[in-house]
Amino acid sequence: MCENCGQFVTGDGYTNHCPVCLWSKHVDNQPGDRLQECLGMMKPVRVEKDKADFMIIHRCENCAIEKRNRVGGRDSFDTVVALAKKYAMDVSKAGK
């Protein structure tokens, strides 16, 4: 269950974010290990291009660490695009 939007999320042990709202939870030190003690909510803050993939960058609301997660096939395309547009607008405003 997504702690941000309440969506029921099924995973494979490596699933690290909600496909609806893109929020995650800080549970891993290494992908899939579930050894992180922070357990803070990970806010999606931007989208980056990495070779052929797009990556969601999450920032932990507790400890401020940033982690990269590949955009998945089940992720809401509209939410990914909205996040990318919001970041581009924020960067544009900061440059003025």
Protein backbone atom coordinates (compact mmCIF):
# COMPACT_ATOMS: atom_id res chain seq x y z
CA MET A 1 0.00 0.00 0.00
CA CYS A 2 1.44 3.39 -0.99
CA GLU A 3 1.84 5.54 2.11
CA ASN A 4 1.43 8.69 0.00
CA CYS A 5 -1.67 8.06 -2.14
CA GLY A 6 -3.09 4.79 -0.73
CA GLN A 7 -2.77 2.88 -4.03
CA PHE A 8 -2.34 -0.88 -3.63
CA VAL A 9 1.11 -1.65 -5.03
CA THR A 10 2.33 -5.14 -5.87
CA GLY A 11 6.01 -5.71 -6.30
CA ASP A 12 8.76 -8.20 -6.90
CA GLY A 13 11.04 -7.39 -3.97
CA TYR A 14 12.75 -4.66 -5.96
CA THR A 15 9.70 -2.47 -6.56
CA ASN A 16 10.67 0.86 -5.08
CA HIS A 17 7.97 3.35 -5.94
CA CYS A 18 4.25 3.71 -6.47
CA PRO A 19 3.33 3.58 -10.18
CA VAL A 20 0.52 6.11 -9.62
CA CYS A 21 2.08 8.96 -7.60
CA LEU A 22 5.77 7.90 -7.99
CA TRP A 23 6.51 8.30 -4.25
CA SER A 24 8.76 5.71 -2.62
CA LYS A 25 9.98 4.76 0.85
CA HIS A 26 13.59 4.76 2.05
CA VAL A 27 13.94 1.04 2.81
CA ASP A 28 17.08 -0.08 0.92
CA ASN A 29 20.80 0.53 1.31
CA GLN A 30 21.37 -1.50 -1.86
CA PRO A 31 18.51 -2.31 -4.27
CA GLY A 32 16.25 -4.96 -2.74
CA ASP A 33 18.09 -5.45 0.58
CA ARG A 34 15.43 -3.75 2.79
CA LEU A 35 18.17 -2.92 5.36
CA GLN A 36 17.72 0.87 5.63
CA GLU A 37 16.54 2.01 9.06
CA CYS A 38 15.51 5.55 8.00
CA LEU A 39 12.13 4.52 6.52
CA GLY A 40 11.39 8.09 5.43
CA MET A 41 9.08 8.87 2.55
CA MET A 42 10.94 9.48 -0.72
CA LYS A 43 9.48 12.39 -2.71
CA PRO A 44 9.88 12.30 -6.50
CA VAL A 45 11.73 15.55 -7.23
CA ARG A 46 12.82 15.33 -10.87
CA VAL A 47 13.23 13.15 -13.94
CA GLU A 48 16.59 12.67 -15.67
CA LYS A 49 17.60 10.97 -18.90
CA ASP A 50 20.26 8.25 -18.52
CA LYS A 51 21.26 6.73 -21.85
CA ALA A 52 18.08 5.06 -23.14
CA ASP A 53 16.24 5.23 -19.81
CA PHE A 54 14.48 7.88 -17.81
CA MET A 55 15.20 7.98 -14.09
CA ILE A 56 13.03 9.30 -11.26
CA ILE A 57 15.11 11.07 -8.63
CA HIS A 58 13.67 10.67 -5.14
CA ARG A 59 14.70 12.71 -2.08
CA CYS A 60 14.10 11.30 1.40
CA GLU A 61 11.99 13.60 3.53
CA ASN A 62 13.81 12.38 6.70
CA CYS A 63 17.51 12.29 5.78
CA ALA A 64 17.57 14.15 2.41
CA ILE A 65 19.49 11.41 0.56
CA GLU A 66 18.69 11.23 -3.15
CA LYS A 67 18.25 7.93 -5.01
CA ARG A 68 17.69 7.20 -8.70
CA ASN A 69 15.04 4.75 -9.87
CA ARG A 70 14.32 3.73 -13.44
CA VAL A 71 10.88 4.70 -14.78
CA GLY A 72 8.95 1.45 -15.12
CA GLY A 73 6.44 0.27 -17.67
CA ARG A 74 3.62 0.39 -15.11
CA ASP A 75 4.40 3.98 -14.05
CA SER A 76 1.85 6.65 -14.88
CA PHE A 77 3.20 8.40 -17.97
CA ASP A 78 1.14 11.49 -17.15
CA THR A 79 2.68 11.70 -13.66
CA VAL A 80 6.22 11.28 -15.03
CA VAL A 81 5.62 14.05 -17.59
CA ALA A 82 4.07 16.34 -14.96
CA LEU A 83 7.11 15.81 -12.70
CA ALA A 84 9.51 16.58 -15.56
CA LYS A 85 7.56 19.74 -16.46
CA LYS A 86 7.44 20.91 -12.82
CA TYR A 87 11.20 20.48 -12.44
CA ALA A 88 11.84 22.33 -15.71
CA MET A 89 9.63 25.21 -14.52
CA ASP A 90 11.40 25.32 -11.13
CA VAL A 91 14.81 25.42 -12.82
CA SER A 92 13.59 28.15 -15.19
CA LYS A 93 12.31 30.27 -12.29
CA ALA A 94 15.56 29.80 -10.34
CA GLY A 95 17.57 31.06 -13.33
CA LYS A 96 15.71 34.38 -13.50
